[in-house]
Protein backbone atom coordinates (compact mmCIF):
# COMPACT_ATOMS: atom_id res chain seq x y z
CA MET A 1 -34.83 13.83 5.74
CA ASP A 2 -32.98 11.44 8.02
CA VAL A 3 -29.58 12.69 9.27
CA PRO A 4 -26.75 10.08 9.03
CA LEU A 5 -24.40 9.69 11.89
CA ALA A 6 -21.58 10.42 9.49
CA ALA A 7 -22.95 13.86 8.94
CA VAL A 8 -23.01 14.59 12.60
CA ILE A 9 -19.43 13.42 13.06
CA THR A 10 -18.26 15.40 10.10
CA GLU A 11 -19.82 18.65 11.23
CA GLY A 12 -18.42 18.09 14.75
CA ILE A 13 -14.89 17.68 13.36
CA ALA A 14 -15.30 20.85 11.21
CA PHE A 15 -16.49 22.78 14.33
CA LEU A 16 -13.44 21.67 16.30
CA ALA A 17 -11.08 22.56 13.51
CA VAL A 18 -12.31 26.10 13.06
CA SER A 19 -12.50 26.54 16.77
CA PHE A 20 -8.74 25.73 17.04
CA VAL A 21 -7.91 28.24 14.35
CA VAL A 22 -10.00 30.91 16.15
CA ALA A 23 -8.24 30.31 19.38
CA ALA A 24 -4.90 30.68 17.66
CA LEU A 25 -5.94 33.82 15.81
CA TYR A 26 -7.25 35.46 19.06
CA TYR A 27 -3.92 34.56 20.71
CA ARG A 28 -2.02 36.23 17.88
CA TYR A 29 -4.14 39.33 18.16
CA PHE A 30 -3.67 39.74 21.91
CA ASP A 31 0.02 39.21 21.32
CA ARG A 32 0.41 41.96 18.60
CA ARG A 33 -2.83 44.02 18.97
CA ARG A 34 -3.27 44.70 15.32
CA VAL A 35 -6.68 45.58 13.99
CA ALA A 36 -6.33 43.41 10.81
CA ALA A 37 -5.69 40.42 13.06
CA LEU A 38 -8.81 41.12 15.11
CA ALA A 39 -10.90 41.34 11.85
CA LEU A 40 -9.58 38.02 10.80
CA ALA A 41 -10.29 36.42 14.18
CA VAL A 42 -13.85 37.77 14.27
CA ALA A 43 -14.33 36.42 10.64
CA PHE A 44 -13.33 32.92 11.80
CA ASN A 45 -15.33 33.38 15.00
CA ALA A 46 -18.44 33.91 12.90
CA TRP A 47 -17.64 30.56 11.19
CA VAL A 48 -17.38 28.96 14.63
CA ILE A 49 -20.82 30.08 15.59
CA GLY A 50 -22.21 28.98 12.17
CA ALA A 51 -20.39 25.63 12.49
CA LEU A 52 -21.79 25.13 16.03
CA GLY A 53 -25.36 25.83 14.73
CA LEU A 54 -24.87 23.29 11.91
CA PHE A 55 -23.48 20.67 14.31
CA LEU A 56 -26.15 21.09 16.96
CA GLY A 57 -28.90 21.18 14.30
CA LYS A 58 -27.67 17.84 12.89
CA LEU A 59 -27.11 16.30 16.29
CA ILE A 60 -30.65 17.13 17.55
CA GLN A 61 -32.20 16.00 14.30
CA TYR A 62 -30.25 12.71 14.48
CA LEU A 63 -31.50 12.12 18.01
CA ILE A 64 -35.09 12.83 16.89
CA ASP A 65 -34.71 10.45 13.89
CA LYS A 66 -33.47 7.72 16.19
CA GLU A 67 -36.37 8.51 18.56
CA ILE A 68 -33.91 9.26 21.42
CA ILE A 69 -35.74 12.54 21.66
CA THR A 70 -39.53 11.97 21.46
CA SER A 71 -41.08 15.17 22.86
CA THR A 72 -43.53 16.60 20.35
CA SER A 73 -42.24 20.09 21.30
CA TYR A 74 -39.03 19.15 19.43
CA THR A 75 -40.02 16.54 16.87
CA SER A 76 -42.10 19.10 14.92
CA ILE A 77 -39.15 21.41 14.29
CA GLY A 78 -36.70 20.93 11.39
CA PHE A 79 -33.53 21.40 13.34
CA SER A 80 -31.16 20.33 10.54
CA ASP A 81 -32.53 22.98 8.10
CA PHE A 82 -32.59 25.58 11.01
CA GLY A 83 -28.95 24.88 11.63
CA ILE A 84 -28.12 25.28 7.91
CA ASN A 85 -29.83 28.74 7.91
CA ILE A 86 -27.85 29.71 11.01
CA GLY A 87 -24.60 28.41 9.29
CA TYR A 88 -25.21 30.45 6.10
CA GLY A 89 -26.15 33.43 8.15
CA PHE A 90 -22.99 33.60 10.17
CA SER A 91 -21.03 32.63 6.98
CA ALA A 92 -22.36 35.79 5.42
CA LEU A 93 -21.22 37.82 8.50
CA SER A 94 -17.76 36.15 8.17
CA ASN A 95 -17.59 37.44 4.52
CA VAL A 96 -18.00 40.98 5.82
CA PHE A 97 -15.06 40.64 8.15
CA ILE A 98 -12.85 38.80 5.56
CA MET A 99 -13.32 41.76 3.22
CA LEU A 100 -12.49 44.14 6.03
CA PHE A 101 -9.37 42.18 6.78
CA VAL A 102 -8.39 42.40 3.07
CA ALA A 103 -9.00 46.16 3.08
CA LEU A 104 -6.96 46.69 6.17
CA VAL A 105 -4.05 44.50 5.13
CA PHE A 106 -3.91 45.80 1.45
CA SER A 107 -4.93 49.39 2.33
CA GLN A 108 -2.06 50.71 0.08
CA SER A 109 -3.31 48.83 -3.03
CA PRO A 110 -4.87 51.25 -5.59
CA MET A 111 -8.30 49.74 -5.15
CA PHE A 112 -8.53 50.42 -1.46
CA ARG A 113 -6.26 53.50 -1.39
CA ARG A 114 -8.87 55.25 -3.55
CA THR A 115 -12.07 53.89 -2.03
CA LYS A 116 -10.90 53.69 1.68
CA MET A 117 -13.51 51.61 3.58
CA LEU A 118 -16.24 52.08 0.94
CA ILE A 119 -15.86 48.60 -0.54
CA PRO A 120 -16.10 46.75 2.85
CA ILE A 121 -19.24 48.90 3.75
CA ILE A 122 -20.96 48.05 0.44
CA PHE A 123 -19.91 44.45 0.75
CA GLY A 124 -21.31 44.35 4.29
CA ALA A 125 -24.71 45.68 2.98
CA LEU A 126 -24.77 43.01 0.25
CA ASN A 127 -24.18 40.29 2.71
CA GLY A 128 -26.90 41.75 4.87
CA ILE A 129 -29.29 40.84 2.05
CA THR A 130 -28.19 37.24 2.51
CA ILE A 131 -28.91 37.35 6.19
CA GLY A 132 -32.37 38.99 5.48
CA LEU A 133 -33.24 36.31 2.96
CA LEU A 134 -32.31 33.58 5.44
CA VAL A 135 -34.20 35.18 8.37
CA GLY A 136 -37.26 35.65 6.21
CA ALA A 137 -37.10 32.08 4.92
CA THR A 138 -36.75 30.78 8.52
CA PHE A 139 -39.72 32.62 9.92
CA ASN A 140 -41.94 32.18 6.88
CA THR A 141 -41.65 28.39 6.91
CA TRP A 142 -41.32 27.72 10.64
CA PRO A 143 -41.33 25.15 12.28
CA ASN A 144 -39.66 23.56 9.25
CA PRO A 145 -37.44 26.30 8.01
CA GLU A 146 -36.28 26.05 4.45
CA TYR A 147 -33.16 27.29 2.70
CA THR A 148 -33.63 27.87 -1.07
CA LEU A 149 -31.42 27.97 -4.08
CA LEU A 150 -31.53 31.84 -4.39
CA PRO A 151 -29.79 32.71 -1.07
CA THR A 152 -27.42 29.75 -1.64
CA LEU A 153 -26.17 31.02 -5.07
CA TYR A 154 -26.25 34.66 -3.94
CA HIS A 155 -24.06 33.78 -0.84
CA LEU A 156 -21.81 31.67 -3.05
CA ALA A 157 -21.16 34.65 -5.39
CA LEU A 158 -20.37 37.00 -2.51
CA THR A 159 -18.07 34.37 -0.89
CA PHE A 160 -16.20 34.05 -4.24
CA ILE A 161 -15.78 37.86 -4.22
CA SER A 162 -14.20 37.93 -0.77
CA PHE A 163 -11.98 34.88 -1.26
CA PHE A 164 -10.89 36.03 -4.85
CA ALA A 165 -10.00 39.50 -3.45
CA LEU A 166 -7.84 37.80 -0.87
CA MET A 167 -6.23 35.46 -3.39
CA PHE A 168 -5.65 38.15 -6.04
CA LEU A 169 -4.12 40.70 -3.66
CA THR A 170 -1.96 38.12 -1.99
CA ILE A 171 -0.15 37.24 -5.32
CA ARG A 172 1.81 40.52 -5.40
CA PRO A 173 3.42 40.15 -1.96
CA LEU A 174 4.06 36.50 -2.67
CA ARG A 175 6.09 37.50 -5.69
CA ALA A 176 7.89 40.23 -3.84
CA ALA A 177 8.79 37.99 -0.88
CA GLU A 178 12.41 37.02 -0.55
CA LEU A 179 12.41 34.67 2.41
CA LYS A 180 11.18 31.03 1.99
CA TRP A 181 8.98 31.10 5.00
CA GLU A 182 7.25 34.32 3.90
CA LYS A 183 6.58 32.79 0.43
CA ALA A 184 5.22 29.67 2.18
CA GLY A 185 2.98 31.73 4.36
CA PHE A 186 1.45 33.55 1.39
CA ARG A 187 0.99 30.25 -0.42
CA PHE A 188 -0.71 28.81 2.58
CA ILE A 189 -3.12 31.84 2.66
CA ILE A 190 -3.96 31.37 -1.10
CA LEU A 191 -4.55 27.69 -0.51
CA SER A 192 -6.90 28.49 2.37
CA ALA A 193 -8.94 30.82 0.19
CA ILE A 194 -9.03 28.18 -2.60
CA PHE A 195 -10.36 25.48 -0.31
CA GLY A 196 -12.78 28.08 1.26
CA SER A 197 -14.21 28.65 -2.20
CA THR A 198 -14.35 24.89 -2.90
CA THR A 199 -16.31 24.38 0.23
CA TYR A 200 -19.18 26.55 -0.93
CA ILE A 201 -19.09 25.20 -4.46
CA CYS A 202 -19.56 21.73 -3.11
CA PHE A 203 -22.43 22.93 -0.81
CA ALA A 204 -24.27 24.34 -3.84
CA LEU A 205 -23.62 21.09 -5.84
CA ASP A 206 -24.92 19.08 -2.85
CA PHE A 207 -28.02 21.23 -2.81
CA MET A 208 -28.67 20.97 -6.60
CA THR A 209 -27.70 17.26 -7.22
CA ALA A 210 -29.70 15.52 -4.35
CA SER A 211 -32.89 13.70 -5.22
CA ASP A 212 -34.98 16.84 -4.42
CA GLY A 213 -32.58 19.24 -6.24
CA LEU A 214 -32.66 20.88 -9.63
CA MET A 215 -30.20 18.27 -11.21
CA PRO A 216 -31.04 15.02 -9.20
CA ILE A 217 -27.89 13.03 -9.97
CA PHE A 218 -28.04 11.14 -6.63
CA SER A 219 -31.02 9.14 -5.36
CA ILE A 220 -30.73 10.48 -1.83
CA GLU A 221 -32.13 13.64 -0.30
CA GLY A 222 -29.20 15.77 0.71
CA PHE A 223 -25.92 14.44 2.05
CA THR A 224 -24.53 13.57 -1.34
CA PRO A 225 -20.78 13.04 -1.69
CA PHE A 226 -20.46 16.79 -2.39
CA TYR A 227 -21.62 17.31 1.21
CA TYR A 228 -18.63 15.49 2.69
CA ILE A 229 -16.23 16.87 0.11
CA ALA A 230 -17.34 20.35 1.23
CA TYR A 231 -16.52 19.66 4.86
CA GLY A 232 -13.24 18.11 3.87
CA ALA A 233 -12.40 21.26 1.99
CA ALA A 234 -13.47 23.37 4.97
CA ILE A 235 -11.15 21.45 7.26
CA LEU A 236 -8.27 21.95 4.81
CA MET A 237 -9.15 25.65 4.71
CA CYS A 238 -8.78 25.82 8.45
CA ILE A 239 -5.46 23.93 8.35
CA PHE A 240 -3.96 26.18 5.75
CA ALA A 241 -5.35 29.29 7.46
CA TYR A 242 -3.59 28.22 10.60
CA LEU A 243 -0.36 27.65 8.73
CA GLY A 244 -0.56 30.94 6.77
CA TYR A 245 -1.95 33.38 9.19
CA VAL A 246 -0.53 32.00 12.46
CA MET A 247 2.45 29.99 11.09
CA PRO A 248 3.73 28.21 14.25
CA ASN A 249 7.49 28.10 14.85
CA PHE A 250 7.87 24.46 13.79
CA ILE A 251 6.50 25.29 10.35
CA ARG A 252 8.48 28.53 10.04
CA ASN A 253 11.67 26.70 10.96
CA LEU A 254 10.92 24.17 8.07
CA TYR A 255 11.21 27.06 5.60
CA LYS A 256 13.84 29.13 7.33
CA GLU A 257 17.06 29.65 5.42
CA PRO A 258 20.26 28.39 7.00
CA SER A 259 22.31 31.13 8.70
CA THR A 260 25.79 32.08 7.45
CA GLU A 261 27.37 29.95 10.26
CA GLU A 262 25.31 26.88 9.21
CA TYR A 263 26.54 27.31 5.65
CA ALA A 264 30.09 27.49 6.86
CA LYS A 265 29.78 24.12 8.49
């Protein structure tokens, strides 16, 4: 399928957005040296690699479609689909570290206090199945690797679990928080998880509603409106992740309560 320039630009913007968040998260980790912060940074780092694979796959495919690259060594390879498989693979790896982050931050919750690291380990094995399915699909259909509905829906289900765990466990500290900036931070984290889930829902809808999908609503092969909505949601996920996990000073000051002296004025 021909890759539109809009898709290349969209994925490039998403790659830059998540790269910015990763840099900020690593900066925060090296400033405080907390294991949970490192787990979160690695989770977003996996998204960066996946986003880079997606972007480069689309870019090379676009150059081939426009006959800017004409070498037969490259034109026979489905770079776009190969990039998608890389993206899903590293997204599955990101799921593992998101769950590890949740387990570390909420280690005192009944669920993790009883099971310790058992849930992240099991979740890691389940996401390993996703990676195995993608690797198998890539090698079995090379040089035009395919990604099928099964790993897409399986990965969607696991992503829901990781984001839902994050959202569900953040509700309690949100209710217990007394300071406005703390409440805002928890709300930003929940919004990040919501938009993260929305991203994968839209990817699944794009896969199913294209002309070659199970429910062909659109007359185009891939790159339906759901594709662009997915990346819009991914960028919003990055923005709210930055606001919630990093919370720069100018955002914190917006929600900071006035001091006693300021009230006196």
